[in-house]
Amino acid sequence: MDIKSELAIIKRGAVEIVSEEELLAKLEQSRKEGRALNIKAGFDPTAPDIHLGHTVLLRKLRQFQDLGHNVFFLIGDFTARIGDPTGKSETRKQLTSEEIIKNAQTYKEQVSKILNIDKIKVVFNGEWFDKMLGLEFARLLTHYTASRMLERDDFSARLKQGKPLYMSEFVYPLLQGYDSVMLKSDIEIGGTDQIFNLLVGRDLQKDFGQAPQVVITMPLLEGTDGVQKMSKSYGNYIGINEPPGEIFGKIMSVSDEMMHKYYTLFTDEDLALVKKMHPKEAKMNLARIIIEQYHSKEAAEKAKAEFEKVFSKKEIPDDIPVFKLTGPKPVVELISEAKLTLSKNESRRLIKQGAVEFNSQKVGDENFVIQSGGVLKVGSRRFLKIEYT
């Protein structure tokens, strides 16, 4: 593969590269010296359940792996004990060492579905920060000024609002930047919300006599609603460990515009050919690709067949969970107990929207009580068979 093709792969889906000229120079030097580049991405193990929004960064790392470069999967066990303030209007909760270890292991198991786990280099920044003496830490602080830190929008906004800004948060970007020094990073990848921290890494590397890393930022992906950042808290996420049928249905519900963005970030498909496809066909193809990647080809075929049965033929899926009811129960409580929604508030919202049915009849009252067997439908994809005893 020539450098032009390699560069095209790296640039696909990226928001910003600082700088493209430096990236090209590093790629040329890599080929000339026969040396793989060191690619760094940091992960604070605070939320171990991975959804498609997280895979944007992971897929880019896999592309670097396939191009023959070294991927450093940095787990911020030390910095997670401080709490990354990025994008937060208040101080983030600090994790215990036990929580970090548990989350890190779960994270590693899930990313193996995307990365070649045998070829990544998993490192913990506690390896150097836990050993750092007070004098060393004080010297590290001399590499950055308070005024530079206050250039961060979230820091300055909190100060203007009279909200606390702790020194531990203030030094977080410096610690993340020092990780790049320790790993001699050639390229660091992160979300657009991490740009300040990534640039601090460049500055520190210069101070420590290293060539500054190239910074590549990837977009913060909108969820299925096409508005908010993909997140469990917004209920607009697609989890890679969700049932294939749920993944298929969620992808089919996204807008055409979001569908093309998902193709760019989640697949290697020719986008010109995708744009020639009918939107429904394109979404079904996208759902197939994603389910095959995180589950299997058979699971993708079954999910497609179930989708067509439910939405085209208006039939009930063959395999739906069973809930045994021993007495009358308010529908909101039943939906919550069966985990068909994330919260009772979401259940009430769906009822108000007319998105809940019992035995093919819309449930219009959140106080409705179920006191017989039947089929409960929540939203367009979630079904529950109720056996009343």
Protein backbone atom coordinates (compact mmCIF):
# COMPACT_ATOMS: atom_id res chain seq x y z
CA MET A 1 0.00 0.00 0.00
CA ASP A 2 1.36 3.43 -0.87
CA ILE A 3 1.44 6.34 1.57
CA LYS A 4 -1.43 8.12 -0.17
CA SER A 5 -3.73 5.14 0.44
CA GLU A 6 -2.53 4.79 4.02
CA LEU A 7 -3.22 8.47 4.65
CA ALA A 8 -6.73 8.13 3.20
CA ILE A 9 -7.53 5.32 5.65
CA ILE A 10 -6.24 7.32 8.60
CA LYS A 11 -8.16 10.45 7.61
CA ARG A 12 -11.50 8.68 7.12
CA GLY A 13 -13.97 9.95 9.71
CA ALA A 14 -11.39 12.13 11.50
CA VAL A 15 -12.45 15.64 12.54
CA GLU A 16 -9.01 17.25 12.86
CA ILE A 17 -5.36 16.30 12.41
CA VAL A 18 -2.63 18.40 14.04
CA SER A 19 -0.95 18.40 11.70
CA GLU A 20 -1.41 16.52 8.44
CA GLU A 21 2.05 17.58 7.24
CA GLU A 22 3.62 16.11 10.38
CA LEU A 23 1.58 12.94 9.99
CA LEU A 24 2.79 12.48 6.42
CA ALA A 25 6.38 13.07 7.54
CA LYS A 26 6.04 10.45 10.30
CA LEU A 27 4.59 7.91 7.86
CA GLU A 28 7.45 8.51 5.43
CA GLN A 29 10.03 8.22 8.20
CA SER A 30 8.38 5.02 9.43
CA ARG A 31 8.78 3.44 6.00
CA LYS A 32 12.32 4.70 5.54
CA GLU A 33 13.51 3.36 8.91
CA GLY A 34 11.32 0.24 8.95
CA ARG A 35 9.95 1.32 12.33
CA ALA A 36 6.31 1.06 13.33
CA LEU A 37 4.80 4.22 14.79
CA ASN A 38 3.58 4.31 18.40
CA ILE A 39 -0.15 5.04 18.47
CA LYS A 40 -1.63 6.04 21.82
CA ALA A 41 -5.19 6.23 23.06
CA GLY A 42 -6.12 6.65 26.68
CA PHE A 43 -9.11 5.16 28.44
CA ASP A 44 -10.24 5.90 31.98
CA PRO A 45 -12.08 2.71 32.98
CA THR A 46 -15.13 4.51 34.35
CA ALA A 47 -17.86 3.05 32.11
CA PRO A 48 -17.09 -0.53 31.06
CA ASP A 49 -20.18 -1.13 28.92
CA ILE A 50 -19.18 -0.25 25.36
CA HIS A 51 -21.65 1.18 22.85
CA LEU A 52 -21.10 2.16 19.22
CA GLY A 53 -20.04 5.66 20.24
CA HIS A 54 -16.98 4.17 21.94
CA THR A 55 -16.10 2.06 18.90
CA VAL A 56 -15.38 5.14 16.76
CA LEU A 57 -12.01 5.49 18.48
CA LEU A 58 -11.41 1.74 18.72
CA ARG A 59 -11.99 1.20 15.01
CA LYS A 60 -9.43 3.88 14.20
CA LEU A 61 -6.94 2.06 16.42
CA ARG A 62 -7.69 -1.17 14.57
CA GLN A 63 -6.93 0.57 11.27
CA PHE A 64 -3.52 1.56 12.61
CA GLN A 65 -2.98 -2.04 13.71
CA ASP A 66 -3.82 -3.30 10.24
CA LEU A 67 -1.37 -0.77 8.79
CA GLY A 68 1.38 -2.35 10.89
CA HIS A 69 1.78 0.18 13.69
CA ASN A 70 2.03 -0.31 17.47
CA VAL A 71 -1.12 0.49 19.46
CA PHE A 72 -0.76 1.47 23.10
CA PHE A 73 -4.06 0.94 24.91
CA LEU A 74 -3.46 3.17 27.91
CA ILE A 75 -5.72 2.51 30.87
CA GLY A 76 -5.66 5.51 33.17
CA ASP A 77 -5.83 3.68 36.47
CA PHE A 78 -4.01 6.55 38.20
CA THR A 79 -5.87 9.40 36.49
CA ALA A 80 -9.22 7.65 37.00
CA ARG A 81 -8.60 8.03 40.72
CA ILE A 82 -8.51 11.79 40.09
CA GLY A 83 -11.40 12.11 37.62
CA ASP A 84 -11.24 13.63 34.15
CA PRO A 85 -13.09 16.98 34.23
CA THR A 86 -13.45 17.14 30.43
CA GLY A 87 -16.86 18.39 29.40
CA LYS A 88 -18.14 18.36 32.97
CA SER A 89 -19.85 21.24 34.71
CA GLU A 90 -18.90 19.77 38.10
CA THR A 91 -16.32 17.51 39.69
CA ARG A 92 -16.44 13.90 38.51
CA LYS A 93 -16.71 11.08 41.05
CA GLN A 94 -13.40 9.41 41.86
CA LEU A 95 -13.17 5.62 41.55
CA THR A 96 -11.68 3.15 43.98
CA SER A 97 -8.81 0.87 42.93
CA GLU A 98 -11.16 -2.14 43.06
CA GLU A 99 -13.67 -0.46 40.73
CA ILE A 100 -10.90 0.47 38.30
CA ILE A 101 -9.49 -3.07 38.13
CA LYS A 102 -12.95 -4.58 37.57
CA ASN A 103 -13.88 -2.05 34.88
CA ALA A 104 -10.52 -2.37 33.13
CA GLN A 105 -10.92 -6.14 32.80
CA THR A 106 -14.45 -5.78 31.40
CA TYR A 107 -13.20 -3.14 28.96
CA LYS A 108 -10.40 -5.41 27.74
CA GLU A 109 -12.81 -8.28 27.10
CA GLN A 110 -15.12 -6.09 25.04
CA VAL A 111 -12.47 -4.32 22.95
CA SER A 112 -11.16 -7.73 21.85
CA LYS A 113 -14.16 -7.74 19.49
CA ILE A 114 -12.57 -4.84 17.62
CA LEU A 115 -8.83 -4.82 18.27
CA ASN A 116 -6.33 -7.60 17.77
CA ILE A 117 -5.89 -8.12 21.49
CA ASP A 118 -2.68 -10.13 21.03
CA LYS A 119 -0.98 -7.22 19.29
CA ILE A 120 -2.01 -4.27 21.43
CA LYS A 121 0.17 -3.08 24.28
CA VAL A 122 -1.99 -2.57 27.36
CA VAL A 123 -0.33 -0.17 29.80
CA PHE A 124 -1.45 1.47 33.04
CA ASN A 125 -0.27 4.98 33.86
CA GLY A 126 -0.06 4.00 37.51
CA GLU A 127 3.18 2.26 36.48
CA TRP A 128 4.95 5.64 36.50
CA PHE A 129 2.71 7.94 38.51
CA ASP A 130 2.53 5.65 41.54
CA LYS A 131 6.33 5.77 41.70
CA MET A 132 6.67 9.51 41.10
CA LEU A 133 8.21 11.38 44.03
CA GLY A 134 6.90 14.68 45.27
CA LEU A 135 9.89 16.57 43.88
CA GLU A 136 9.41 14.99 40.44
CA PHE A 137 5.75 15.94 40.48
CA ALA A 138 6.58 19.52 41.46
CA ARG A 139 9.04 19.73 38.56
CA LEU A 140 6.37 18.43 36.19
CA LEU A 141 4.07 21.27 37.26
CA THR A 142 6.68 23.81 36.10
CA HIS A 143 6.08 22.76 32.48
CA TYR A 144 2.68 24.46 32.26
CA THR A 145 1.19 27.72 33.49
CA ALA A 146 -2.10 28.35 35.25
CA SER A 147 -3.07 30.85 32.56
CA ARG A 148 -2.71 28.20 29.87
CA MET A 149 -4.93 25.81 31.82
CA LEU A 150 -7.59 28.50 32.18
CA GLU A 151 -7.83 28.65 28.39
CA ARG A 152 -10.02 25.56 28.67
CA ASP A 153 -13.62 26.60 28.16
CA ASP A 154 -15.05 24.27 30.82
CA PHE A 155 -12.57 25.49 33.46
CA SER A 156 -13.16 29.19 32.78
CA ALA A 157 -16.94 28.67 32.66
CA ARG A 158 -16.96 26.98 36.07
CA LEU A 159 -14.93 29.77 37.62
CA LYS A 160 -17.28 32.41 36.20
CA GLN A 161 -20.25 30.48 37.62
CA GLY A 162 -18.62 30.29 41.04
CA LYS A 163 -18.37 26.50 40.90
CA PRO A 164 -15.39 24.75 42.53
CA LEU A 165 -12.36 23.83 40.44
CA TYR A 166 -10.04 21.54 42.34
CA MET A 167 -6.28 21.40 41.88
CA SER A 168 -6.51 17.67 41.09
CA GLU A 169 -8.62 18.54 38.03
CA PHE A 170 -6.35 21.42 37.15
CA VAL A 171 -3.36 19.10 36.73
CA TYR A 172 -5.27 16.34 34.90
CA PRO A 173 -4.33 17.53 31.38
CA LEU A 174 -0.70 17.69 32.47
CA LEU A 175 -0.81 14.09 33.69
CA GLN A 176 -2.44 12.91 30.46
CA GLY A 177 0.20 14.76 28.49
CA TYR A 178 2.99 13.16 30.51
CA ASP A 179 1.64 9.75 29.47
CA SER A 180 2.65 10.66 25.92
CA VAL A 181 6.16 11.46 27.10
CA MET A 182 6.49 8.10 28.88
CA LEU A 183 5.23 6.16 25.85
CA LYS A 184 7.16 8.26 23.31
CA SER A 185 3.91 8.55 21.41
CA ASP A 186 4.05 9.38 17.68
CA ILE A 187 0.29 9.78 17.32
CA GLU A 188 -2.47 10.18 19.90
CA ILE A 189 -6.14 9.69 19.10
CA GLY A 190 -9.07 11.03 21.11
CA GLY A 191 -12.52 12.56 20.91
CA THR A 192 -13.02 16.20 19.95
CA ASP A 193 -13.66 16.97 23.64
CA GLN A 194 -10.09 15.86 24.40
CA ILE A 195 -8.32 18.28 22.05
CA PHE A 196 -6.89 20.48 24.85
CA ASN A 197 -5.42 17.51 26.71
CA LEU A 198 -3.96 16.03 23.53
CA LEU A 199 -2.24 19.29 22.64
CA VAL A 200 -0.74 19.47 26.14
CA GLY A 201 0.94 16.17 25.29
CA ARG A 202 2.58 17.79 22.24
CA ASP A 203 3.88 20.66 24.37
CA LEU A 204 5.31 18.37 27.04
CA GLN A 205 7.05 16.16 24.50
CA LYS A 206 8.81 19.23 23.09
CA ASP A 207 9.93 20.20 26.61
CA PHE A 208 11.30 16.69 27.18
CA GLY A 209 13.23 16.70 23.91
CA GLN A 210 10.87 14.44 21.96
CA ALA A 211 9.28 14.97 18.57
CA PRO A 212 5.70 16.16 19.25
CA GLN A 213 2.94 13.65 18.65
CA VAL A 214 0.42 14.12 15.87
CA VAL A 215 -3.06 14.62 17.29
CA ILE A 216 -6.07 13.04 15.60
CA THR A 217 -9.55 13.81 16.92
CA MET A 218 -12.60 11.69 16.18
CA PRO A 219 -16.21 12.89 16.40
CA LEU A 220 -18.46 12.46 19.41
CA LEU A 221 -21.16 10.36 17.82
CA GLU A 222 -24.81 11.34 18.04
CA GLY A 223 -27.15 8.59 19.14
CA THR A 224 -30.20 7.15 17.46
CA ASP A 225 -32.10 10.40 18.04
CA GLY A 226 -29.57 12.22 15.84
CA VAL A 227 -29.29 15.04 18.39
CA GLN A 228 -27.65 14.12 21.69
CA LYS A 229 -24.27 12.44 22.09
CA MET A 230 -24.73 8.65 22.21
CA SER A 231 -25.16 7.78 25.86
CA LYS A 232 -27.03 5.36 28.08
CA SER A 233 -28.29 8.29 30.12
CA TYR A 234 -30.08 9.66 27.05
CA GLY A 235 -31.46 6.25 26.03
CA ASN A 236 -30.15 6.75 22.48
CA TYR A 237 -27.30 4.26 22.52
CA ILE A 238 -26.61 1.02 20.65
CA GLY A 239 -24.65 -1.37 22.85
CA ILE A 240 -22.35 -3.85 21.15
CA ASN A 241 -23.48 -6.56 23.59
CA GLU A 242 -27.20 -5.89 23.09
CA PRO A 243 -29.32 -8.64 21.50
CA PRO A 244 -28.92 -8.67 17.69
CA GLY A 245 -32.61 -7.96 17.17
CA GLU A 246 -32.39 -4.84 19.32
CA ILE A 247 -29.32 -3.61 17.43
CA PHE A 248 -31.04 -4.23 14.09
CA GLY A 249 -34.17 -2.34 15.09
CA LYS A 250 -32.26 0.61 16.49
CA ILE A 251 -30.19 1.02 13.34
CA MET A 252 -33.31 0.89 11.20
CA SER A 253 -34.74 3.77 13.25
CA VAL A 254 -31.92 6.27 12.60
CA SER A 255 -32.27 9.07 10.07
CA ASP A 256 -30.77 8.79 6.59
CA GLU A 257 -28.20 11.43 7.48
CA MET A 258 -27.07 9.58 10.60
CA MET A 259 -27.04 6.32 8.68
CA HIS A 260 -24.41 7.68 6.27
CA LYS A 261 -22.34 8.97 9.20
CA TYR A 262 -22.52 5.53 10.82
CA TYR A 263 -21.28 3.97 7.57
CA THR A 264 -18.28 6.31 7.58
CA LEU A 265 -17.31 5.54 11.16
CA PHE A 266 -18.34 1.89 11.61
CA THR A 267 -17.55 0.31 8.24
CA ASP A 268 -15.02 0.27 5.43
CA GLU A 269 -17.76 0.33 2.77
CA ASP A 270 -17.45 2.47 -0.37
CA LEU A 271 -19.56 5.50 0.54
CA ALA A 272 -20.24 6.35 -3.09
CA LEU A 273 -21.92 2.96 -3.56
CA VAL A 274 -23.85 3.30 -0.30
CA LYS A 275 -25.36 6.60 -1.46
CA LYS A 276 -26.75 4.85 -4.54
CA MET A 277 -28.64 2.36 -2.37
CA HIS A 278 -32.24 2.85 -1.24
CA PRO A 279 -32.16 4.13 2.37
CA LYS A 280 -33.99 1.09 3.74
CA GLU A 281 -31.66 -1.28 1.91
CA ALA A 282 -28.64 0.69 3.12
CA LYS A 283 -29.79 0.58 6.74
CA MET A 284 -30.44 -3.15 6.60
CA ASN A 285 -26.99 -3.66 5.14
CA LEU A 286 -25.47 -1.49 7.88
CA ALA A 287 -27.29 -3.44 10.58
CA ARG A 288 -26.03 -6.69 9.07
CA ILE A 289 -22.41 -5.49 9.03
CA ILE A 290 -22.49 -4.32 12.64
CA ILE A 291 -24.22 -7.43 14.00
CA GLU A 292 -21.82 -9.71 12.12
CA GLN A 293 -18.89 -7.85 13.67
CA TYR A 294 -20.09 -8.07 17.27
CA HIS A 295 -22.15 -11.26 17.15
CA SER A 296 -22.17 -13.51 14.06
CA LYS A 297 -23.41 -13.87 10.49
CA GLU A 298 -26.15 -16.23 11.66
CA ALA A 299 -27.31 -13.73 14.29
CA ALA A 300 -27.48 -11.00 11.64
CA GLU A 301 -29.60 -13.14 9.32
CA LYS A 302 -31.97 -14.08 12.15
CA ALA A 303 -32.29 -10.45 13.27
CA LYS A 304 -33.14 -9.40 9.71
CA ALA A 305 -35.80 -12.11 9.41
CA GLU A 306 -37.34 -11.11 12.75
CA PHE A 307 -37.36 -7.44 11.76
CA GLU A 308 -39.17 -8.17 8.52
CA LYS A 309 -41.65 -10.39 10.34
CA VAL A 310 -42.49 -7.75 12.95
CA PHE A 311 -42.43 -4.61 10.80
CA SER A 312 -43.38 -5.80 7.33
CA LYS A 313 -45.83 -8.52 8.27
CA LYS A 314 -46.89 -7.01 11.61
CA GLU A 315 -46.38 -10.33 13.39
CA ILE A 316 -45.06 -11.13 16.86
CA PRO A 317 -41.46 -12.43 17.06
CA ASP A 318 -40.97 -16.13 17.70
CA ASP A 319 -38.58 -15.73 20.59
CA ILE A 320 -39.77 -13.21 23.16
CA PRO A 321 -39.11 -13.22 26.93
CA VAL A 322 -41.75 -14.52 29.32
CA PHE A 323 -42.85 -12.71 32.49
CA LYS A 324 -44.86 -14.69 35.04
CA LEU A 325 -47.45 -12.54 36.79
CA THR A 326 -49.05 -13.83 40.00
CA GLY A 327 -51.42 -10.92 40.55
CA PRO A 328 -52.51 -7.53 39.16
CA LYS A 329 -49.64 -5.13 38.49
CA PRO A 330 -49.53 -1.53 37.19
CA VAL A 331 -48.12 -1.49 33.67
CA VAL A 332 -45.38 1.02 34.57
CA GLU A 333 -44.07 -1.27 37.32
CA LEU A 334 -44.25 -4.32 35.09
CA ILE A 335 -42.29 -2.64 32.29
CA SER A 336 -39.65 -1.56 34.78
CA GLU A 337 -39.32 -4.98 36.43
CA ALA A 338 -39.04 -6.66 33.03
CA LYS A 339 -36.28 -4.14 32.12
CA LEU A 340 -38.00 -3.11 28.90
CA THR A 341 -36.99 0.49 29.67
CA LEU A 342 -34.20 2.11 31.64
CA SER A 343 -36.54 3.83 34.08
CA LYS A 344 -40.17 4.32 35.09
CA ASN A 345 -40.00 7.84 33.68
CA GLU A 346 -39.13 6.42 30.26
CA SER A 347 -42.06 3.98 30.60
CA ARG A 348 -44.46 6.85 31.36
CA ARG A 349 -43.10 8.86 28.43
CA LEU A 350 -43.66 5.96 26.02
CA ILE A 351 -47.22 5.47 27.31
CA LYS A 352 -47.99 9.17 26.73
CA GLN A 353 -46.58 8.83 23.21
CA GLY A 354 -48.90 5.89 22.50
CA ALA A 355 -45.94 3.54 22.13
CA VAL A 356 -47.16 0.87 24.57
CA GLU A 357 -49.67 -1.82 23.62
CA PHE A 358 -51.22 -4.74 25.48
CA ASN A 359 -52.82 -7.44 23.32
CA SER A 360 -52.68 -5.08 20.31
CA GLN A 361 -54.56 -2.31 22.18
CA LYS A 362 -52.81 0.96 23.00
CA VAL A 363 -52.27 1.66 26.69
CA GLY A 364 -53.21 5.30 27.15
CA ASP A 365 -53.14 5.52 30.94
CA GLU A 366 -49.99 5.11 33.00
CA ASN A 367 -52.19 3.82 35.85
CA PHE A 368 -53.43 0.91 33.70
CA VAL A 369 -53.23 -2.40 35.59
CA ILE A 370 -52.44 -5.69 33.85
CA GLN A 371 -54.42 -8.56 35.34
CA SER A 372 -54.42 -11.20 32.61
CA GLY A 373 -52.06 -12.99 30.28
CA GLY A 374 -51.13 -11.61 26.89
CA VAL A 375 -48.45 -9.80 24.91
CA LEU A 376 -47.06 -6.43 25.94
CA LYS A 377 -45.35 -4.33 23.28
CA VAL A 378 -43.13 -1.40 24.29
CA GLY A 379 -41.89 0.85 21.53
CA SER A 380 -41.50 -0.78 18.15
CA ARG A 381 -39.13 -3.61 19.03
CA ARG A 382 -39.63 -4.78 22.61
CA PHE A 383 -42.12 -7.55 23.33
CA LEU A 384 -43.01 -9.43 26.49
CA LYS A 385 -45.21 -12.50 26.85
CA ILE A 386 -47.14 -12.34 30.11
CA GLU A 387 -48.28 -15.59 31.73
CA TYR A 388 -50.85 -14.90 34.44
CA THR A 389 -51.14 -17.51 37.17
